[in-house]
Amino acid sequence: QVRLVESGGGLVQSGDSLRLSCVASRSVLNIEIMGWYRQAPGKQRELVGNFFVNGVTNVIDAVEGRFTISRETATNTFFLQMNNLRPEDTAVYYCQTQSGLSIDWGQGTQVTVSS
């Protein structure tokens, strides 16, 4: 089991940037999949993007070109860099790790984008 602690959310204006961080309780070097999800009010939780153990990343079309996912092994942290934020990006953002049969979630951090 991996304990995940998120930070970096907040209230920003349209066009601003935020970087979310997710610190893991163990090395992220061998975690198979590190992902970011979000849940907007009244909607289901959706995948934002993944960082795979081989370094490959992907994000959903809605954030392509604006959001990127990265990893910093020295601090056991992975990040979601969010640029050019839009009001429709408002949601609670969660980090998640998948390793073997284990799936673990962070506590969530609120991102609110005003127009």
N, C-alpha and C. Protein backbone atom coordinates (compact mmCIF):
# COMPACT_ATOMS: atom_id res chain seq x y z
N GLN A 1 0.85 -1.19 0.00
CA GLN A 1 0.00 0.00 0.00
C GLN A 1 0.88 1.24 0.00
N VAL A 2 0.45 2.24 -0.75
CA VAL A 2 1.18 3.50 -0.86
C VAL A 2 0.31 4.61 -0.30
N ARG A 3 0.88 5.40 0.62
CA ARG A 3 0.16 6.56 1.13
C ARG A 3 0.51 7.75 0.25
N LEU A 4 -0.51 8.49 -0.17
CA LEU A 4 -0.33 9.60 -1.10
C LEU A 4 -0.86 10.87 -0.47
N VAL A 5 -0.06 11.92 -0.52
CA VAL A 5 -0.45 13.22 0.04
C VAL A 5 -0.34 14.28 -1.05
N GLU A 6 -1.47 14.92 -1.33
CA GLU A 6 -1.53 15.90 -2.41
C GLU A 6 -1.45 17.32 -1.86
N SER A 7 -1.01 18.20 -2.73
CA SER A 7 -1.03 19.62 -2.40
C SER A 7 -1.02 20.43 -3.69
N GLY A 8 -1.30 21.72 -3.57
CA GLY A 8 -1.16 22.62 -4.71
C GLY A 8 -2.43 23.17 -5.29
N GLY A 9 -3.58 22.73 -4.81
CA GLY A 9 -4.83 23.28 -5.34
C GLY A 9 -5.06 24.70 -4.88
N GLY A 10 -6.11 25.30 -5.42
CA GLY A 10 -6.44 26.66 -5.02
C GLY A 10 -7.46 27.30 -5.93
N LEU A 11 -7.67 28.60 -5.70
CA LEU A 11 -8.58 29.40 -6.50
C LEU A 11 -7.76 30.28 -7.43
N VAL A 12 -7.98 30.15 -8.72
CA VAL A 12 -7.24 30.94 -9.70
C VAL A 12 -8.21 31.50 -10.74
N GLN A 13 -7.68 32.37 -11.59
CA GLN A 13 -8.49 32.92 -12.67
C GLN A 13 -8.23 32.19 -13.97
N SER A 14 -9.15 32.30 -14.87
CA SER A 14 -9.01 31.69 -16.18
C SER A 14 -7.70 32.15 -16.82
N GLY A 15 -6.95 31.18 -17.37
CA GLY A 15 -5.66 31.47 -17.99
C GLY A 15 -4.47 31.29 -17.07
N ASP A 16 -4.70 31.17 -15.78
CA ASP A 16 -3.61 30.98 -14.83
C ASP A 16 -3.09 29.55 -14.85
N SER A 17 -2.04 29.32 -14.08
CA SER A 17 -1.42 27.99 -13.97
C SER A 17 -1.39 27.54 -12.51
N LEU A 18 -1.39 26.23 -12.34
CA LEU A 18 -1.21 25.60 -11.04
C LEU A 18 -0.39 24.34 -11.24
N ARG A 19 0.34 23.96 -10.20
CA ARG A 19 1.03 22.68 -10.22
C ARG A 19 0.60 21.88 -8.99
N LEU A 20 0.01 20.74 -9.23
CA LEU A 20 -0.37 19.85 -8.16
C LEU A 20 0.76 18.86 -7.91
N SER A 21 0.98 18.55 -6.64
CA SER A 21 2.00 17.59 -6.25
C SER A 21 1.37 16.42 -5.51
N CYS A 22 1.96 15.26 -5.68
CA CYS A 22 1.50 14.06 -4.97
C CYS A 22 2.74 13.35 -4.46
N VAL A 23 2.91 13.37 -3.14
CA VAL A 23 4.08 12.74 -2.53
C VAL A 23 3.69 11.34 -2.06
N ALA A 24 4.48 10.35 -2.48
CA ALA A 24 4.23 8.96 -2.14
C ALA A 24 5.07 8.56 -0.93
N SER A 25 4.57 7.56 -0.20
CA SER A 25 5.25 7.11 1.01
C SER A 25 6.41 6.17 0.71
N ARG A 26 6.58 5.82 -0.56
CA ARG A 26 7.72 5.00 -0.95
C ARG A 26 8.21 5.44 -2.32
N SER A 27 9.28 4.85 -2.76
CA SER A 27 9.85 5.21 -4.05
C SER A 27 8.83 5.07 -5.18
N VAL A 28 8.82 6.07 -6.05
CA VAL A 28 7.93 6.02 -7.21
C VAL A 28 8.59 5.39 -8.42
N LEU A 29 9.84 4.99 -8.26
CA LEU A 29 10.60 4.51 -9.41
C LEU A 29 9.96 3.29 -10.07
N ASN A 30 9.37 2.43 -9.27
CA ASN A 30 8.84 1.18 -9.81
C ASN A 30 7.31 1.10 -9.76
N ILE A 31 6.67 2.21 -9.46
CA ILE A 31 5.19 2.20 -9.47
C ILE A 31 4.74 2.14 -10.92
N GLU A 32 3.91 1.18 -11.23
CA GLU A 32 3.56 0.90 -12.62
C GLU A 32 2.81 2.05 -13.29
N ILE A 33 1.84 2.58 -12.61
CA ILE A 33 1.05 3.67 -13.18
C ILE A 33 0.80 4.72 -12.09
N MET A 34 1.09 5.96 -12.41
CA MET A 34 0.74 7.09 -11.53
C MET A 34 -0.22 7.96 -12.32
N GLY A 35 -1.39 8.19 -11.75
CA GLY A 35 -2.40 8.91 -12.49
C GLY A 35 -3.00 10.06 -11.73
N TRP A 36 -3.61 10.95 -12.49
CA TRP A 36 -4.39 12.06 -11.94
C TRP A 36 -5.83 11.93 -12.44
N TYR A 37 -6.76 12.10 -11.52
CA TYR A 37 -8.18 12.07 -11.82
C TYR A 37 -8.81 13.36 -11.31
N ARG A 38 -10.01 13.66 -11.78
CA ARG A 38 -10.73 14.81 -11.26
C ARG A 38 -12.23 14.51 -11.21
N GLN A 39 -12.89 15.19 -10.28
CA GLN A 39 -14.32 15.04 -10.15
C GLN A 39 -14.95 16.40 -9.96
N ALA A 40 -15.72 16.80 -10.96
CA ALA A 40 -16.43 18.07 -10.90
C ALA A 40 -17.77 17.88 -10.19
N PRO A 41 -18.35 18.95 -9.66
CA PRO A 41 -19.63 18.82 -8.95
C PRO A 41 -20.70 18.18 -9.83
N GLY A 42 -21.35 17.15 -9.32
CA GLY A 42 -22.43 16.50 -10.04
C GLY A 42 -21.99 15.58 -11.16
N LYS A 43 -20.68 15.36 -11.27
CA LYS A 43 -20.17 14.50 -12.35
C LYS A 43 -19.37 13.35 -11.78
N GLN A 44 -19.16 12.35 -12.62
CA GLN A 44 -18.36 11.22 -12.21
C GLN A 44 -16.87 11.56 -12.25
N ARG A 45 -16.10 10.85 -11.44
CA ARG A 45 -14.66 11.03 -11.47
C ARG A 45 -14.14 10.57 -12.83
N GLU A 46 -13.23 11.36 -13.40
CA GLU A 46 -12.68 11.02 -14.71
C GLU A 46 -11.16 11.06 -14.66
N LEU A 47 -10.57 10.24 -15.52
CA LEU A 47 -9.12 10.23 -15.67
C LEU A 47 -8.66 11.51 -16.36
N VAL A 48 -7.60 12.12 -15.83
CA VAL A 48 -6.97 13.26 -16.50
C VAL A 48 -5.76 12.79 -17.29
N GLY A 49 -4.94 11.94 -16.70
CA GLY A 49 -3.78 11.42 -17.41
C GLY A 49 -2.99 10.47 -16.56
N ASN A 50 -2.04 9.80 -17.20
CA ASN A 50 -1.21 8.80 -16.53
C ASN A 50 0.26 9.01 -16.83
N PHE A 51 1.08 8.57 -15.89
CA PHE A 51 2.53 8.47 -16.08
C PHE A 51 2.86 7.00 -15.85
N PHE A 52 3.39 6.34 -16.87
CA PHE A 52 3.69 4.92 -16.78
C PHE A 52 5.14 4.71 -16.36
N VAL A 53 5.41 3.51 -15.84
CA VAL A 53 6.72 3.23 -15.27
C VAL A 53 7.84 3.39 -16.30
N ASN A 54 7.52 3.23 -17.58
CA ASN A 54 8.54 3.36 -18.62
C ASN A 54 8.73 4.82 -19.07
N GLY A 55 8.04 5.74 -18.39
CA GLY A 55 8.21 7.15 -18.71
C GLY A 55 7.20 7.71 -19.70
N VAL A 56 6.38 6.85 -20.26
CA VAL A 56 5.36 7.32 -21.20
C VAL A 56 4.24 8.00 -20.42
N THR A 57 3.75 9.11 -20.97
CA THR A 57 2.63 9.80 -20.34
C THR A 57 1.52 10.00 -21.37
N ASN A 58 0.32 10.15 -20.88
CA ASN A 58 -0.80 10.54 -21.74
C ASN A 58 -1.79 11.34 -20.93
N VAL A 59 -2.55 12.18 -21.62
CA VAL A 59 -3.61 12.97 -20.99
C VAL A 59 -4.83 12.93 -21.89
N ILE A 60 -5.97 13.26 -21.33
CA ILE A 60 -7.20 13.24 -22.11
C ILE A 60 -7.21 14.43 -23.07
N ASP A 61 -8.04 14.33 -24.10
CA ASP A 61 -8.10 15.35 -25.14
C ASP A 61 -8.45 16.73 -24.55
N ALA A 62 -9.30 16.76 -23.54
CA ALA A 62 -9.77 18.04 -23.00
C ALA A 62 -8.65 18.89 -22.40
N VAL A 63 -7.53 18.25 -22.04
CA VAL A 63 -6.43 19.00 -21.42
C VAL A 63 -5.16 18.89 -22.23
N GLU A 64 -5.21 18.24 -23.38
CA GLU A 64 -4.04 18.08 -24.24
C GLU A 64 -3.46 19.45 -24.59
N GLY A 65 -2.15 19.58 -24.45
CA GLY A 65 -1.49 20.85 -24.75
C GLY A 65 -1.50 21.84 -23.59
N ARG A 66 -2.26 21.55 -22.55
CA ARG A 66 -2.32 22.46 -21.38
C ARG A 66 -1.79 21.79 -20.11
N PHE A 67 -2.02 20.50 -19.94
CA PHE A 67 -1.63 19.77 -18.73
C PHE A 67 -0.50 18.80 -19.06
N THR A 68 0.45 18.66 -18.16
CA THR A 68 1.49 17.66 -18.30
C THR A 68 1.72 16.97 -16.96
N ILE A 69 2.13 15.71 -17.04
CA ILE A 69 2.42 14.91 -15.86
C ILE A 69 3.91 14.58 -15.85
N SER A 70 4.52 14.72 -14.68
CA SER A 70 5.94 14.41 -14.56
C SER A 70 6.20 13.73 -13.22
N ARG A 71 7.42 13.25 -13.08
CA ARG A 71 7.80 12.49 -11.88
C ARG A 71 9.16 12.97 -11.41
N GLU A 72 9.34 13.02 -10.11
CA GLU A 72 10.63 13.36 -9.52
C GLU A 72 10.98 12.25 -8.54
N THR A 73 11.86 11.36 -8.96
CA THR A 73 12.13 10.17 -8.15
C THR A 73 12.87 10.51 -6.85
N ALA A 74 13.67 11.56 -6.86
CA ALA A 74 14.46 11.89 -5.67
C ALA A 74 13.57 12.24 -4.47
N THR A 75 12.38 12.75 -4.74
CA THR A 75 11.47 13.15 -3.66
C THR A 75 10.21 12.30 -3.61
N ASN A 76 10.16 11.23 -4.40
CA ASN A 76 8.98 10.34 -4.44
C ASN A 76 7.71 11.11 -4.77
N THR A 77 7.81 12.02 -5.71
CA THR A 77 6.70 12.92 -6.02
C THR A 77 6.36 12.86 -7.50
N PHE A 78 5.06 12.93 -7.80
CA PHE A 78 4.69 13.19 -9.18
C PHE A 78 3.75 14.39 -9.22
N PHE A 79 3.74 15.02 -10.40
CA PHE A 79 3.14 16.34 -10.53
C PHE A 79 2.12 16.37 -11.66
N LEU A 80 1.19 17.30 -11.52
CA LEU A 80 0.30 17.66 -12.61
C LEU A 80 0.45 19.16 -12.83
N GLN A 81 1.12 19.52 -13.91
CA GLN A 81 1.28 20.92 -14.27
C GLN A 81 0.09 21.33 -15.12
N MET A 82 -0.63 22.34 -14.69
CA MET A 82 -1.85 22.77 -15.38
C MET A 82 -1.68 24.22 -15.82
N ASN A 83 -1.65 24.43 -17.12
CA ASN A 83 -1.51 25.76 -17.70
C ASN A 83 -2.79 26.17 -18.40
N ASN A 84 -2.94 27.48 -18.59
CA ASN A 84 -4.10 28.01 -19.30
C ASN A 84 -5.41 27.39 -18.77
N LEU A 85 -5.57 27.46 -17.47
CA LEU A 85 -6.75 26.86 -16.84
C LEU A 85 -8.03 27.53 -17.28
N ARG A 86 -9.08 26.72 -17.33
CA ARG A 86 -10.40 27.18 -17.76
C ARG A 86 -11.41 26.88 -16.67
N PRO A 87 -12.54 27.59 -16.65
CA PRO A 87 -13.57 27.31 -15.63
C PRO A 87 -14.01 25.85 -15.63
N GLU A 88 -14.03 25.21 -16.78
CA GLU A 88 -14.46 23.80 -16.84
C GLU A 88 -13.44 22.84 -16.23
N ASP A 89 -12.26 23.35 -15.87
CA ASP A 89 -11.29 22.52 -15.16
C ASP A 89 -11.56 22.48 -13.66
N THR A 90 -12.52 23.25 -13.19
CA THR A 90 -12.86 23.25 -11.77
C THR A 90 -13.30 21.87 -11.32
N ALA A 91 -12.64 21.36 -10.29
CA ALA A 91 -12.92 20.00 -9.80
C ALA A 91 -12.05 19.72 -8.58
N VAL A 92 -12.34 18.61 -7.93
CA VAL A 92 -11.41 18.05 -6.95
C VAL A 92 -10.49 17.10 -7.72
N TYR A 93 -9.21 17.30 -7.56
CA TYR A 93 -8.21 16.49 -8.27
C TYR A 93 -7.60 15.47 -7.31
N TYR A 94 -7.50 14.24 -7.80
CA TYR A 94 -6.97 13.14 -7.01
C TYR A 94 -5.78 12.50 -7.72
N CYS A 95 -4.76 12.13 -6.96
CA CYS A 95 -3.71 11.31 -7.54
C CYS A 95 -3.99 9.85 -7.17
N GLN A 96 -3.47 8.97 -8.00
CA GLN A 96 -3.68 7.55 -7.81
C GLN A 96 -2.45 6.79 -8.26
N THR A 97 -2.15 5.70 -7.58
CA THR A 97 -1.09 4.81 -8.03
C THR A 97 -1.64 3.39 -8.18
N GLN A 98 -1.10 2.70 -9.17
CA GLN A 98 -1.42 1.30 -9.40
C GLN A 98 -0.11 0.53 -9.47
N SER A 99 -0.02 -0.50 -8.61
CA SER A 99 1.20 -1.31 -8.60
C SER A 99 0.80 -2.71 -8.20
N GLY A 100 0.93 -3.66 -9.15
CA GLY A 100 0.41 -5.00 -8.91
C GLY A 100 -1.09 -4.94 -8.74
N LEU A 101 -1.59 -5.52 -7.67
CA LEU A 101 -3.03 -5.51 -7.39
C LEU A 101 -3.44 -4.32 -6.51
N SER A 102 -2.49 -3.49 -6.16
CA SER A 102 -2.75 -2.40 -5.23
C SER A 102 -3.09 -1.12 -5.97
N ILE A 103 -4.20 -0.51 -5.58
CA ILE A 103 -4.60 0.80 -6.10
C ILE A 103 -4.79 1.72 -4.90
N ASP A 104 -4.10 2.84 -4.92
CA ASP A 104 -4.16 3.77 -3.80
C ASP A 104 -4.49 5.17 -4.29
N TRP A 105 -5.20 5.94 -3.42
CA TRP A 105 -5.66 7.27 -3.78
C TRP A 105 -5.17 8.31 -2.78
N GLY A 106 -4.94 9.50 -3.29
CA GLY A 106 -4.72 10.64 -2.43
C GLY A 106 -6.05 11.16 -1.90
N GLN A 107 -5.98 12.17 -1.04
CA GLN A 107 -7.18 12.68 -0.37
C GLN A 107 -7.94 13.69 -1.23
N GLY A 108 -7.32 14.17 -2.28
CA GLY A 108 -7.97 15.13 -3.16
C GLY A 108 -7.61 16.56 -2.80
N THR A 109 -7.54 17.40 -3.83
CA THR A 109 -7.28 18.81 -3.63
C THR A 109 -8.19 19.62 -4.57
N GLN A 110 -8.77 20.67 -4.07
CA GLN A 110 -9.74 21.44 -4.82
C GLN A 110 -9.04 22.44 -5.73
N VAL A 111 -9.47 22.44 -6.99
CA VAL A 111 -9.03 23.45 -7.95
C VAL A 111 -10.27 24.19 -8.45
N THR A 112 -10.28 25.49 -8.28
CA THR A 112 -11.40 26.31 -8.71
C THR A 112 -10.88 27.40 -9.65
N VAL A 113 -11.47 27.45 -10.83
CA VAL A 113 -11.05 28.42 -11.84
C VAL A 113 -12.21 29.38 -12.10
N SER A 114 -11.99 30.64 -11.84
CA SER A 114 -13.03 31.64 -12.08
C SER A 114 -12.85 32.27 -13.45
N SER A 115 -13.95 32.67 -14.04
CA SER A 115 -13.90 33.26 -15.39
C SER A 115 -13.64 34.75 -15.34
